[in-house]
């Protein structure tokens, strides 16, 4: 009988204070990232250690699912503002503008977008 080894990897990512607090409070359950080489390594069951850029505080989450999308727009249409940590009244154009302050549209075309579904680690 063949034995399978399961490797759970801990990833490290940085967050601004506002989305960090939403993760810490269990409100934000979907992290949006570019589906680049680093993020393609994130798998179900892995943990992510989010570092608050302002306070250096750390919160750990467990990845429950990763879903790839061809664009941030397609991704954003799949989730509520609450799930992604956006303000209640934010429109699609506002959410895209915020993402494009972080990622270029050229990178988006090359790599696509990634939704990382997660919950707080115990």
Foldseek 3Di string as FASTA:
>chain_A
DDDDDDDAAEAEEEDEDQVVVLQVVFQAFKEKDFQDPSVVPHAAQHKYWYAHPPPRDTFIKGFHDKDFDLAVLVVVVVDACRHHSHDNPDDSVNVVVVVCVPPPVVSCNVGGMMITGIHGDD
